[in-house]
Amino acid sequence: MNRAIILSCDTGQGHNSCAQALREYFEEKGVACEICDALGFVSKRFTGFVSWGHSFMYRHIPGLFKWGYAYSERHPGVLMKDSAAYRILTNGTTRMYEYIRDGGFDTVVCTHVFPAIMLTHVLWQHELSVRTAFLLTDYACCPGMESCDLDLYFLPCRCLRDKEHRCRLPRERVLSTGIPVRSAFWDGHEKEQAKRMLHIDPGNRHLLVMCGSMGCGPIVKIMEYITRDFPSGLEVTVICGTNEWLRRRLAFRYRNNGRVHIVGYADDTSLYMDAADLYLTKPGGISVTEAAVKRLPMAFINAVAGCEQYNMDCFTNMGAAITAGSTRELAGRCLELLFSEGELRSMQDALQPFGRINGAERIYRALCQGEQECSRQQAG
């Protein structure tokens, strides 16, 4: 593998973060690597519309996203050949083909089902000598995978290998590699040191609240419940992401509370996780994996359901996370858990296997091994 392109999709930051983690590792190994928003091959206006629509639904009408995801699961034809969505996506495949061909890429990895569908169509329409792969960034098989036909499929955990029949994936092409996270999440700092770096009292418990890069979910209401009976010995940091309205509202409300820290978009989320005793978040595939690598106990806000419902079930079932039926109950449960040393330690123990799974490394090795096998077959 000498030159790779990672096809992402600007629907939230998770897919891009995963692509960045892969590129970081590939370049460390001497592989020239590029990340590209695949929907841009359809048109710049189209990718802007999809990005805006996804963000709008997550923040304001998450029920519509939940309904659409469930509908796609029940009706796989909506993303299969000859469907309206398929025709729109494949409008950009000629430009995608020319870009890959002219760029001299020998490996193409997709971190979203849309580019995986587009790439499959490229391979049907054109001669292209490249190694192809699709990396799942959630702990579930997503709608649309029936329309993908690539060389390799990288799954986030072994538990999905028994479900590949649901995704209609050929067993010989499926590998359980884990989800790649950036090196910053592997390096980290000791908890007390991280707290000092963020001006948090090392003797206090620290709750980190972050609901995706878009700052969606009922964070305002949850913070009301948490601060209503605010126990001594607790500090809270809320990372609002790109949601400037949320940042301004919370910053004004808690302007006189020195134990509540309101942050906008943060590049150093790894440091905040290092300083946290509990992570209150929506169960996005990338964010929960980043926390799992750090063995950080989690509490889940079921903000949008869909694929995130499967992520939530995966981590709550293994005893690494909690959730609740209402925001009031969830806030109370978090306050209890923060001061329960034994329960926190048990959740950390449940996450221990994730500290040994470097998804980027496993994917790199799998792609190199596949390349070597292909060369041996050609020589034979």
Protein backbone atom coordinates (compact mmCIF):
# COMPACT_ATOMS: atom_id res chain seq x y z
CA MET A 1 0.00 0.00 0.00
CA ASN A 2 1.60 3.23 -1.20
CA ARG A 3 -1.18 5.74 -1.77
CA ALA A 4 -4.60 5.65 -0.12
CA ILE A 5 -7.75 7.73 -0.26
CA ILE A 6 -10.35 7.70 2.51
CA LEU A 7 -13.87 8.55 1.38
CA SER A 8 -15.85 10.12 4.20
CA CYS A 9 -19.15 11.97 4.41
CA ASP A 10 -19.86 15.26 6.19
CA THR A 11 -22.78 13.96 8.28
CA GLY A 12 -21.50 14.78 11.74
CA GLN A 13 -17.88 14.73 12.81
CA GLY A 14 -17.61 11.03 13.65
CA HIS A 15 -16.95 9.71 10.15
CA ASN A 16 -14.37 12.43 9.56
CA SER A 17 -12.67 11.76 12.92
CA CYS A 18 -12.40 8.11 12.01
CA ALA A 19 -10.92 9.04 8.62
CA GLN A 20 -8.42 11.35 10.32
CA ALA A 21 -7.34 8.56 12.67
CA LEU A 22 -6.73 6.25 9.71
CA ARG A 23 -4.81 8.89 7.78
CA GLU A 24 -2.68 9.65 10.83
CA TYR A 25 -1.66 6.00 11.16
CA PHE A 26 -1.20 5.42 7.41
CA GLU A 27 1.09 8.44 7.10
CA GLU A 28 3.08 7.28 10.13
CA LYS A 29 3.71 4.08 8.15
CA GLY A 30 4.84 6.02 5.08
CA VAL A 31 1.61 5.76 3.10
CA ALA A 32 0.54 8.90 1.25
CA CYS A 33 -3.07 9.45 2.28
CA GLU A 34 -5.91 11.81 1.46
CA ILE A 35 -9.39 12.32 2.90
CA CYS A 36 -12.23 13.32 0.61
CA ASP A 37 -15.94 14.07 1.14
CA ALA A 38 -17.47 11.63 -1.34
CA LEU A 39 -20.72 13.58 -1.70
CA GLY A 40 -18.69 16.41 -3.22
CA PHE A 41 -18.41 14.27 -6.35
CA VAL A 42 -22.17 14.67 -6.79
CA SER A 43 -21.96 18.44 -6.30
CA LYS A 44 -20.79 20.97 -3.71
CA ARG A 45 -24.37 22.13 -3.29
CA PHE A 46 -25.50 18.56 -2.60
CA THR A 47 -22.88 17.87 0.07
CA GLY A 48 -23.71 21.22 1.71
CA PHE A 49 -27.41 20.37 1.74
CA VAL A 50 -26.86 16.88 3.21
CA SER A 51 -24.54 18.25 5.89
CA TRP A 52 -27.00 21.01 6.83
CA GLY A 53 -29.97 18.61 6.79
CA HIS A 54 -28.23 16.08 8.99
CA SER A 55 -27.22 18.75 11.53
CA PHE A 56 -30.72 20.30 11.51
CA MET A 57 -32.43 16.96 12.15
CA TYR A 58 -30.03 15.99 14.94
CA ARG A 59 -30.54 19.29 16.75
CA HIS A 60 -34.20 20.05 16.14
CA ILE A 61 -36.17 17.01 14.90
CA PRO A 62 -34.30 13.88 16.04
CA GLY A 63 -37.55 11.93 15.84
CA LEU A 64 -37.47 12.30 12.06
CA PHE A 65 -33.96 10.85 11.91
CA LYS A 66 -35.08 7.94 14.11
CA TRP A 67 -38.08 7.29 11.86
CA GLY A 68 -35.99 7.50 8.67
CA TYR A 69 -33.37 5.10 9.99
CA ALA A 70 -35.99 2.59 11.09
CA TYR A 71 -37.76 2.90 7.72
CA SER A 72 -34.49 2.22 5.89
CA GLU A 73 -33.94 -0.90 8.02
CA ARG A 74 -37.42 -2.21 7.21
CA HIS A 75 -37.22 -1.23 3.52
CA PRO A 76 -33.65 -1.88 2.28
CA GLY A 77 -34.75 -1.08 -1.25
CA VAL A 78 -34.55 2.67 -0.54
CA LEU A 79 -30.77 2.52 -1.03
CA MET A 80 -30.58 -0.24 -3.62
CA LYS A 81 -30.07 0.02 -7.38
CA ASP A 82 -32.74 1.95 -9.31
CA SER A 83 -34.02 3.72 -6.17
CA ALA A 84 -34.16 7.53 -6.18
CA ALA A 85 -31.48 7.81 -3.47
CA TYR A 86 -29.19 5.42 -5.37
CA ARG A 87 -29.54 7.42 -8.58
CA ILE A 88 -28.70 10.67 -6.80
CA LEU A 89 -25.59 9.19 -5.16
CA THR A 90 -24.32 7.57 -8.33
CA ASN A 91 -24.56 10.84 -10.28
CA GLY A 92 -21.08 11.52 -8.95
CA THR A 93 -19.43 8.20 -9.69
CA THR A 94 -17.78 9.20 -12.97
CA ARG A 95 -16.03 12.08 -11.22
CA MET A 96 -15.11 9.75 -8.36
CA TYR A 97 -13.62 7.24 -10.80
CA GLU A 98 -11.56 9.89 -12.58
CA TYR A 99 -10.30 11.31 -9.27
CA ILE A 100 -9.17 7.90 -8.00
CA ARG A 101 -7.64 6.94 -11.34
CA ASP A 102 -5.82 10.23 -11.91
CA GLY A 103 -4.64 10.38 -8.29
CA GLY A 104 -2.82 7.06 -8.60
CA PHE A 105 -4.46 5.62 -5.49
CA ASP A 106 -4.03 1.90 -4.84
CA THR A 107 -6.31 1.69 -1.78
CA VAL A 108 -9.75 3.16 -1.09
CA VAL A 109 -11.40 3.02 2.36
CA CYS A 110 -14.96 4.24 2.99
CA THR A 111 -16.05 5.41 6.45
CA HIS A 112 -19.72 5.89 5.50
CA VAL A 113 -22.22 3.79 3.58
CA PHE A 114 -22.88 6.52 0.97
CA PRO A 115 -19.32 6.52 -0.44
CA ALA A 116 -19.30 2.71 -0.17
CA ILE A 117 -22.38 2.56 -2.42
CA MET A 118 -20.82 5.06 -4.82
CA LEU A 119 -17.53 3.15 -4.94
CA THR A 120 -19.35 -0.13 -5.63
CA HIS A 121 -21.05 1.53 -8.60
CA VAL A 122 -17.68 2.82 -9.83
CA LEU A 123 -16.31 -0.73 -9.79
CA TRP A 124 -19.31 -1.99 -11.73
CA GLN A 125 -18.91 0.68 -14.39
CA HIS A 126 -15.13 1.01 -14.76
CA GLU A 127 -11.89 -0.94 -14.68
CA LEU A 128 -10.09 0.16 -11.53
CA SER A 129 -7.18 -1.71 -9.96
CA VAL A 130 -7.51 -0.74 -6.30
CA ARG A 131 -7.99 -2.43 -2.94
CA THR A 132 -11.36 -1.40 -1.48
CA ALA A 133 -12.81 -1.52 2.03
CA PHE A 134 -15.75 -0.29 4.10
CA LEU A 135 -15.27 0.56 7.77
CA LEU A 136 -18.34 0.57 10.02
CA THR A 137 -18.24 3.44 12.50
CA ASP A 138 -21.15 2.22 14.63
CA TYR A 139 -21.71 -0.99 16.55
CA ALA A 140 -24.35 -2.18 14.10
CA CYS A 141 -24.79 -3.07 10.45
CA CYS A 142 -26.25 0.00 8.78
CA PRO A 143 -28.97 0.28 6.10
CA GLY A 144 -27.57 0.31 2.58
CA MET A 145 -24.87 -2.29 3.09
CA GLU A 146 -26.80 -4.63 0.78
CA SER A 147 -25.79 -2.31 -2.07
CA CYS A 148 -22.06 -2.54 -1.29
CA ASP A 149 -19.63 -4.99 -2.88
CA LEU A 150 -16.09 -4.22 -1.73
CA ASP A 151 -13.00 -6.30 -0.96
CA LEU A 152 -13.03 -6.01 2.84
CA TYR A 153 -15.44 -5.01 5.61
CA PHE A 154 -14.01 -3.83 8.93
CA LEU A 155 -16.34 -4.29 11.89
CA PRO A 156 -16.01 -2.57 15.28
CA CYS A 157 -16.28 -5.72 17.40
CA ARG A 158 -16.56 -9.49 17.28
CA CYS A 159 -20.17 -9.38 18.39
CA LEU A 160 -21.16 -8.24 14.89
CA ARG A 161 -19.51 -11.19 13.16
CA ASP A 162 -22.47 -13.34 14.13
CA LYS A 163 -24.78 -10.77 12.57
CA GLU A 164 -23.12 -10.46 9.18
CA HIS A 165 -25.95 -12.50 7.66
CA ARG A 166 -28.18 -9.54 8.54
CA CYS A 167 -25.86 -7.29 6.56
CA ARG A 168 -25.51 -9.93 3.83
CA LEU A 169 -21.72 -9.76 4.07
CA PRO A 170 -19.55 -12.63 2.83
CA ARG A 171 -17.80 -14.09 5.87
CA GLU A 172 -14.42 -14.35 4.15
CA ARG A 173 -14.32 -10.58 3.62
CA VAL A 174 -15.23 -9.61 7.20
CA LEU A 175 -12.66 -8.67 9.85
CA SER A 176 -13.22 -7.46 13.42
CA THR A 177 -10.68 -4.66 13.73
CA GLY A 178 -12.21 -2.12 16.08
CA ILE A 179 -12.88 1.54 15.22
CA PRO A 180 -9.80 3.72 14.71
CA VAL A 181 -9.26 6.67 17.04
CA ARG A 182 -6.59 9.34 16.84
CA SER A 183 -3.27 8.82 18.63
CA ALA A 184 -4.11 11.56 21.18
CA PHE A 185 -6.67 9.20 22.69
CA TRP A 186 -4.02 6.51 23.14
CA ASP A 187 -1.42 8.79 24.70
CA GLY A 188 -3.31 10.81 27.31
CA HIS A 189 -2.47 12.14 30.77
CA GLU A 190 -2.93 10.94 34.33
CA LYS A 191 -6.31 12.03 35.70
CA GLU A 192 -4.99 14.39 38.39
CA GLN A 193 -2.57 16.00 35.95
CA ALA A 194 -5.32 16.47 33.35
CA LYS A 195 -7.59 18.08 35.95
CA ARG A 196 -4.88 20.55 36.92
CA MET A 197 -4.25 21.40 33.26
CA LEU A 198 -7.95 22.28 32.92
CA HIS A 199 -8.03 24.19 36.24
CA ILE A 200 -10.24 21.59 37.89
CA ASP A 201 -9.64 20.73 41.54
CA PRO A 202 -7.98 17.26 41.54
CA GLY A 203 -9.88 16.43 44.70
CA ASN A 204 -13.26 16.95 43.02
CA ARG A 205 -15.25 14.54 40.89
CA HIS A 206 -15.54 15.72 37.30
CA LEU A 207 -18.51 15.13 35.01
CA LEU A 208 -17.86 15.71 31.29
CA VAL A 209 -20.98 16.48 29.23
CA MET A 210 -20.74 16.44 25.44
CA CYS A 211 -23.49 15.53 23.00
CA GLY A 212 -21.70 15.20 19.67
CA SER A 213 -19.91 17.84 17.63
CA MET A 214 -23.30 19.52 17.01
CA GLY A 215 -24.25 19.87 20.67
CA CYS A 216 -27.64 18.20 20.28
CA GLY A 217 -29.91 16.65 22.89
CA PRO A 218 -31.54 17.95 26.11
CA ILE A 219 -28.34 19.32 27.64
CA VAL A 220 -30.01 22.45 29.05
CA LYS A 221 -32.59 20.40 30.93
CA ILE A 222 -30.05 17.87 32.19
CA MET A 223 -27.84 20.66 33.51
CA GLU A 224 -30.84 22.11 35.37
CA TYR A 225 -31.36 18.81 37.18
CA ILE A 226 -27.64 18.31 37.90
CA THR A 227 -27.15 21.79 39.35
CA ARG A 228 -30.46 21.86 41.24
CA ASP A 229 -28.97 19.77 44.07
CA PHE A 230 -25.37 20.39 43.14
CA PRO A 231 -23.27 18.31 45.56
CA SER A 232 -20.04 19.68 46.94
CA GLY A 233 -16.93 18.06 45.52
CA LEU A 234 -18.28 18.03 41.94
CA GLU A 235 -17.33 20.04 38.86
CA VAL A 236 -19.01 19.84 35.46
CA THR A 237 -17.66 20.68 32.00
CA VAL A 238 -20.05 21.03 29.08
CA ILE A 239 -18.55 20.98 25.57
CA CYS A 240 -21.11 22.51 23.22
CA GLY A 241 -19.34 21.79 19.92
CA THR A 242 -20.55 23.91 17.02
CA ASN A 243 -23.81 24.80 18.80
CA GLU A 244 -23.11 28.46 19.55
CA TRP A 245 -26.67 29.05 20.78
CA LEU A 246 -26.19 26.37 23.44
CA ARG A 247 -22.80 27.75 24.48
CA ARG A 248 -24.14 31.29 24.92
CA ARG A 249 -27.20 30.14 26.86
CA LEU A 250 -25.27 27.95 29.26
CA ALA A 251 -22.44 30.46 29.67
CA PHE A 252 -24.95 33.13 30.70
CA ARG A 253 -26.89 30.85 33.04
CA TYR A 254 -23.82 29.54 34.90
CA ARG A 255 -21.66 32.67 34.66
CA ASN A 256 -21.46 32.91 38.47
CA ASN A 257 -20.92 29.22 39.15
CA GLY A 258 -17.20 28.48 39.35
CA ARG A 259 -17.77 24.71 39.31
CA VAL A 260 -19.53 24.71 35.91
CA HIS A 261 -17.24 25.15 32.90
CA ILE A 262 -18.81 25.91 29.51
CA VAL A 263 -16.70 25.28 26.41
CA GLY A 264 -17.48 25.81 22.73
CA TYR A 265 -15.81 23.68 20.08
CA ALA A 266 -12.84 21.83 21.60
CA ASP A 267 -9.95 20.23 19.73
CA ASP A 268 -8.51 18.70 22.91
CA THR A 269 -11.42 16.41 23.87
CA SER A 270 -8.84 13.74 24.73
CA LEU A 271 -7.58 15.92 27.60
CA TYR A 272 -11.12 16.53 28.84
CA MET A 273 -11.75 12.77 28.84
CA ASP A 274 -8.53 12.19 30.77
CA ALA A 275 -9.79 14.63 33.41
CA ALA A 276 -13.29 13.10 33.61
CA ASP A 277 -14.65 10.57 36.11
CA LEU A 278 -17.86 10.09 34.08
CA TYR A 279 -18.76 10.97 30.50
CA LEU A 280 -22.36 12.00 29.79
CA THR A 281 -22.90 11.84 26.04
CA LYS A 282 -25.02 10.60 23.18
CA PRO A 283 -23.79 7.17 22.04
CA GLY A 284 -22.10 8.08 18.76
CA GLY A 285 -19.84 5.31 17.48
CA ILE A 286 -16.63 7.35 17.48
CA SER A 287 -17.10 9.23 20.76
CA VAL A 288 -17.93 6.07 22.71
CA THR A 289 -14.90 4.29 21.23
CA GLU A 290 -12.64 7.19 22.19
CA ALA A 291 -13.95 6.99 25.75
CA ALA A 292 -13.69 3.19 25.77
CA VAL A 293 -10.00 3.34 24.80
CA LYS A 294 -9.48 5.52 27.90
CA ARG A 295 -11.63 3.20 30.05
CA LEU A 296 -13.92 6.13 30.88
CA PRO A 297 -17.34 5.13 32.29
CA MET A 298 -20.24 6.55 30.30
CA ALA A 299 -23.84 7.68 30.75
CA PHE A 300 -25.95 7.89 27.61
CA ILE A 301 -28.46 10.46 26.42
CA ASN A 302 -30.66 8.72 23.86
CA ALA A 303 -30.86 11.85 21.74
CA VAL A 304 -31.46 10.50 18.21
CA ALA A 305 -31.73 6.67 18.45
CA GLY A 306 -31.24 5.01 15.03
CA CYS A 307 -27.75 3.51 14.83
CA GLU A 308 -26.92 5.07 18.19
CA GLN A 309 -29.51 2.83 19.85
CA TYR A 310 -27.32 -0.16 18.93
CA ASN A 311 -24.22 1.58 20.28
CA MET A 312 -26.02 2.27 23.53
CA ASP A 313 -27.23 -1.32 23.84
CA CYS A 314 -23.73 -2.65 23.16
CA PHE A 315 -22.05 -0.69 25.97
CA THR A 316 -24.85 -0.87 28.54
CA ASN A 317 -25.10 -4.63 28.05
CA MET A 318 -21.38 -5.07 28.74
CA GLY A 319 -21.72 -3.02 31.95
CA ALA A 320 -19.60 -0.10 30.74
CA ALA A 321 -22.36 2.51 30.58
CA ILE A 322 -25.72 3.49 32.06
CA THR A 323 -28.80 5.21 30.72
CA ALA A 324 -32.26 6.13 32.01
CA GLY A 325 -35.79 6.70 30.79
CA SER A 326 -35.92 10.44 31.46
CA THR A 327 -33.53 13.38 31.76
CA ARG A 328 -34.40 13.81 35.45
CA GLU A 329 -33.64 10.15 36.17
CA LEU A 330 -30.45 10.24 34.12
CA ALA A 331 -29.16 13.31 35.96
CA GLY A 332 -29.85 11.70 39.32
CA ARG A 333 -28.23 8.46 38.25
CA CYS A 334 -25.09 10.34 37.15
CA LEU A 335 -24.81 12.09 40.53
CA GLU A 336 -25.11 8.76 42.33
CA LEU A 337 -22.58 7.05 40.07
CA LEU A 338 -19.98 9.81 40.36
CA PHE A 339 -19.61 9.12 44.08
CA SER A 340 -19.80 5.33 43.81
CA GLU A 341 -16.17 4.24 43.56
CA GLY A 342 -16.97 0.54 43.29
CA GLU A 343 -19.45 0.94 40.43
CA LEU A 344 -17.12 3.23 38.50
CA ARG A 345 -14.28 0.72 38.88
CA SER A 346 -16.52 -2.10 37.63
CA MET A 347 -17.40 -0.06 34.52
CA GLN A 348 -13.73 0.65 33.91
CA ASP A 349 -12.96 -3.06 34.12
CA ALA A 350 -15.64 -3.79 31.52
CA LEU A 351 -13.83 -1.44 29.11
CA GLN A 352 -10.41 -2.97 29.63
CA PRO A 353 -10.38 -4.93 26.31
CA PHE A 354 -10.70 -1.69 24.33
CA GLY A 355 -7.34 -0.53 25.63
CA ARG A 356 -5.71 -3.31 23.63
CA ILE A 357 -7.51 -2.75 20.31
CA ASN A 358 -5.83 -0.31 17.93
CA GLY A 359 -8.28 -0.23 15.04
CA ALA A 360 -6.05 1.78 12.71
CA GLU A 361 -3.15 -0.64 13.16
CA ARG A 362 -5.35 -3.69 12.52
CA ILE A 363 -6.84 -2.13 9.38
CA TYR A 364 -3.40 -1.21 8.05
CA ARG A 365 -2.15 -4.75 8.58
CA ALA A 366 -5.24 -6.26 6.94
CA LEU A 367 -4.88 -4.07 3.86
CA CYS A 368 -1.16 -4.84 3.55
CA GLN A 369 -1.77 -8.55 4.01
CA GLY A 370 -4.49 -8.51 1.36
CA GLU A 371 -2.15 -6.71 -1.01
CA GLN A 372 0.54 -9.35 -0.44
CA GLU A 373 -1.93 -12.19 -1.04
CA CYS A 374 -3.08 -10.56 -4.27
CA SER A 375 0.54 -10.24 -5.45
CA ARG A 376 1.20 -13.91 -4.68
CA GLN A 377 -1.88 -14.95 -6.65
CA GLN A 378 -0.79 -12.86 -9.64
CA ALA A 379 2.74 -14.35 -9.46
CA GLY A 380 1.31 -17.86 -9.33
